[in-house]
Amino acid sequence: MLFCFISLAEDPSKSYVKLRDFVLVKLCQGLPCFSREKLMQGFNEDMAVEAQQKFKINKQHARRVYEILRLLVTDMSDAEQYRSYRLDIKRRLISPYKKKQRDLAKMRKCLRPEELTNQMNQIEISMQHEQLEESFQELVEDYRRIIERLAQE
């Protein structure tokens, strides 16, 4: 049986995102590519492809499904597993900051020194680390709520 779930939202609310995550996790948790062993190996293209083929889920949503299911199977009392999970999530969260750094490198070539200083002041490394940690904690808290809802079902 092929089930297709299509829901589009240009700028979804937090509640909508949580509901969508819950539904997509519920759909994907039985797929072979989301087995415990494969989840512990990290996100891969097979997960995105299978989720897309079976349920028409795009790659970004498949990645969120992976992150939620990975949290479900990660033993948080095991320091190595927790560290691996945390780094995996932060790699995705840091990509906008890396883009800013690439943009800044391009700006160095064409901006005057005073303009460059102004741009560099907007990108403070310590602030980025704080924002990254805050984003990670919020995300994990949201994911835990979804896992709790799954357990109630």
Protein backbone atom coordinates (compact mmCIF):
# COMPACT_ATOMS: atom_id res chain seq x y z
CA MET A 1 0.00 0.00 0.00
CA LEU A 2 1.37 3.39 -0.97
CA PHE A 3 0.51 6.23 1.34
CA CYS A 4 1.19 9.78 0.30
CA PHE A 5 1.13 12.63 2.80
CA ILE A 6 1.48 16.04 1.22
CA SER A 7 1.19 19.13 3.31
CA LEU A 8 2.64 22.44 2.28
CA ALA A 9 3.21 25.48 4.43
CA GLU A 10 5.22 28.48 3.36
CA ASP A 11 6.01 29.67 6.88
CA PRO A 12 4.80 26.98 9.29
CA SER A 13 4.14 27.71 12.95
CA LYS A 14 6.00 25.80 15.66
CA SER A 15 2.85 23.78 16.41
CA TYR A 16 2.51 22.81 12.77
CA VAL A 17 6.17 21.75 12.59
CA LYS A 18 5.78 19.59 15.71
CA LEU A 19 2.64 17.94 14.35
CA ARG A 20 4.30 17.32 10.98
CA ASP A 21 7.37 15.85 12.70
CA PHE A 22 5.16 13.54 14.78
CA VAL A 23 3.23 12.28 11.75
CA LEU A 24 6.36 11.76 9.65
CA VAL A 25 8.18 9.93 12.47
CA LYS A 26 5.14 7.70 12.93
CA LEU A 27 5.19 6.88 9.21
CA CYS A 28 8.94 6.32 8.91
CA GLN A 29 9.76 4.47 12.12
CA GLY A 30 8.91 1.14 10.51
CA LEU A 31 11.06 1.62 7.42
CA PRO A 32 14.15 -0.63 7.25
CA CYS A 33 16.46 2.32 6.58
CA PHE A 34 15.47 3.78 9.96
CA SER A 35 16.42 0.68 11.97
CA ARG A 36 18.43 1.16 15.16
CA GLU A 37 21.67 -0.05 13.56
CA LYS A 38 21.35 2.29 10.59
CA LEU A 39 20.33 5.23 12.77
CA MET A 40 23.48 4.83 14.84
CA GLN A 41 25.59 5.02 11.65
CA GLY A 42 24.31 8.51 10.88
CA PHE A 43 22.04 10.09 8.30
CA ASN A 44 22.60 8.87 4.77
CA GLU A 45 21.16 9.27 1.31
CA ASP A 46 19.30 5.93 1.53
CA MET A 47 17.13 7.33 4.33
CA ALA A 48 16.20 10.38 2.27
CA VAL A 49 15.54 8.31 -0.86
CA GLU A 50 13.40 5.67 0.86
CA ALA A 51 11.36 8.27 2.76
CA GLN A 52 10.86 10.16 -0.50
CA GLN A 53 9.85 7.06 -2.46
CA LYS A 54 7.50 5.63 0.16
CA PHE A 55 5.91 8.77 1.57
CA LYS A 56 7.03 11.69 -0.65
CA ILE A 57 8.99 13.22 2.23
CA ASN A 58 11.67 15.71 1.22
CA LYS A 59 15.29 15.42 2.36
CA GLN A 60 15.07 18.10 5.08
CA HIS A 61 12.07 16.41 6.68
CA ALA A 62 13.72 13.00 6.37
CA ARG A 63 16.71 14.47 8.20
CA ARG A 64 14.46 15.69 11.05
CA VAL A 65 12.81 12.25 11.22
CA TYR A 66 16.28 10.71 11.46
CA GLU A 67 17.26 13.12 14.27
CA ILE A 68 14.14 12.30 16.29
CA LEU A 69 14.49 8.54 15.83
CA ARG A 70 18.21 8.77 16.56
CA LEU A 71 17.40 10.52 19.86
CA LEU A 72 14.96 7.71 20.62
CA VAL A 73 17.64 5.01 20.25
CA THR A 74 20.54 6.98 21.75
CA ASP A 75 21.50 6.06 25.31
CA MET A 76 21.96 9.51 26.85
CA SER A 77 23.80 8.04 29.84
CA ASP A 78 26.51 6.77 27.47
CA ALA A 79 28.81 9.76 27.02
CA GLU A 80 30.12 8.62 23.63
CA GLN A 81 26.64 8.03 22.14
CA TYR A 82 25.40 11.38 23.44
CA ARG A 83 28.47 13.18 22.10
CA SER A 84 28.03 11.54 18.70
CA TYR A 85 24.35 12.55 18.61
CA ARG A 86 25.10 16.13 19.70
CA LEU A 87 27.81 16.58 17.06
CA ASP A 88 25.60 15.10 14.36
CA ILE A 89 22.83 17.62 15.10
CA LYS A 90 25.20 20.56 15.50
CA ARG A 91 26.79 19.83 12.11
CA ARG A 92 23.41 20.56 10.55
CA LEU A 93 22.70 23.55 12.76
CA ILE A 94 26.06 25.20 12.05
CA SER A 95 25.64 25.31 8.27
CA PRO A 96 24.10 28.84 8.23
CA TYR A 97 27.07 30.11 10.24
CA LYS A 98 29.50 28.50 7.80
CA LYS A 99 27.68 30.21 4.95
CA LYS A 100 28.15 33.55 6.72
CA GLN A 101 31.87 32.82 7.03
CA ARG A 102 32.12 32.03 3.30
CA ASP A 103 30.24 35.25 2.51
CA LEU A 104 32.60 37.18 4.75
CA ALA A 105 35.60 35.73 2.93
CA LYS A 106 34.10 36.95 -0.36
CA MET A 107 33.43 40.38 1.15
CA ARG A 108 37.06 40.73 2.21
CA LYS A 109 37.99 40.87 -1.45
CA CYS A 110 35.67 43.72 -2.38
CA LEU A 111 34.84 45.83 0.71
CA ARG A 112 36.74 48.76 2.12
CA PRO A 113 38.30 48.20 5.58
CA GLU A 114 35.63 50.17 7.47
CA GLU A 115 32.81 48.28 5.73
CA LEU A 116 34.54 45.00 6.42
CA THR A 117 34.92 45.85 10.12
CA ASN A 118 31.21 46.58 10.30
CA GLN A 119 30.37 43.20 8.77
CA MET A 120 32.81 41.33 11.01
CA ASN A 121 31.27 42.88 14.12
CA GLN A 122 27.96 41.32 13.16
CA ILE A 123 29.50 37.84 13.18
CA GLU A 124 30.90 37.15 16.62
CA ILE A 125 32.16 33.61 17.17
CA SER A 126 31.25 33.41 20.87
CA MET A 127 27.73 34.57 20.08
CA GLN A 128 27.46 31.92 17.38
CA HIS A 129 28.45 29.20 19.85
CA GLU A 130 25.83 30.40 22.34
CA GLN A 131 23.14 30.51 19.67
CA LEU A 132 24.16 27.08 18.41
CA GLU A 133 23.94 25.56 21.89
CA GLU A 134 20.59 27.24 22.52
CA SER A 135 19.23 25.97 19.19
CA PHE A 136 20.45 22.46 19.99
CA GLN A 137 18.78 22.45 23.43
CA GLU A 138 15.48 23.73 22.00
CA LEU A 139 15.56 21.13 19.25
CA VAL A 140 16.25 18.25 21.64
CA GLU A 141 13.42 19.43 23.91
CA ASP A 142 11.01 19.50 20.96
CA TYR A 143 12.20 16.07 19.84
CA ARG A 144 11.68 14.67 23.35
CA ARG A 145 8.07 15.88 23.35
CA ILE A 146 7.50 14.09 20.05
CA ILE A 147 9.04 10.90 21.47
CA GLU A 148 6.77 11.17 24.53
CA ARG A 149 3.73 11.46 22.24
CA LEU A 150 4.90 8.41 20.30
CA ALA A 151 5.16 6.44 23.54
CA GLN A 152 1.56 7.34 24.41
CA GLU A 153 0.24 6.00 21.11
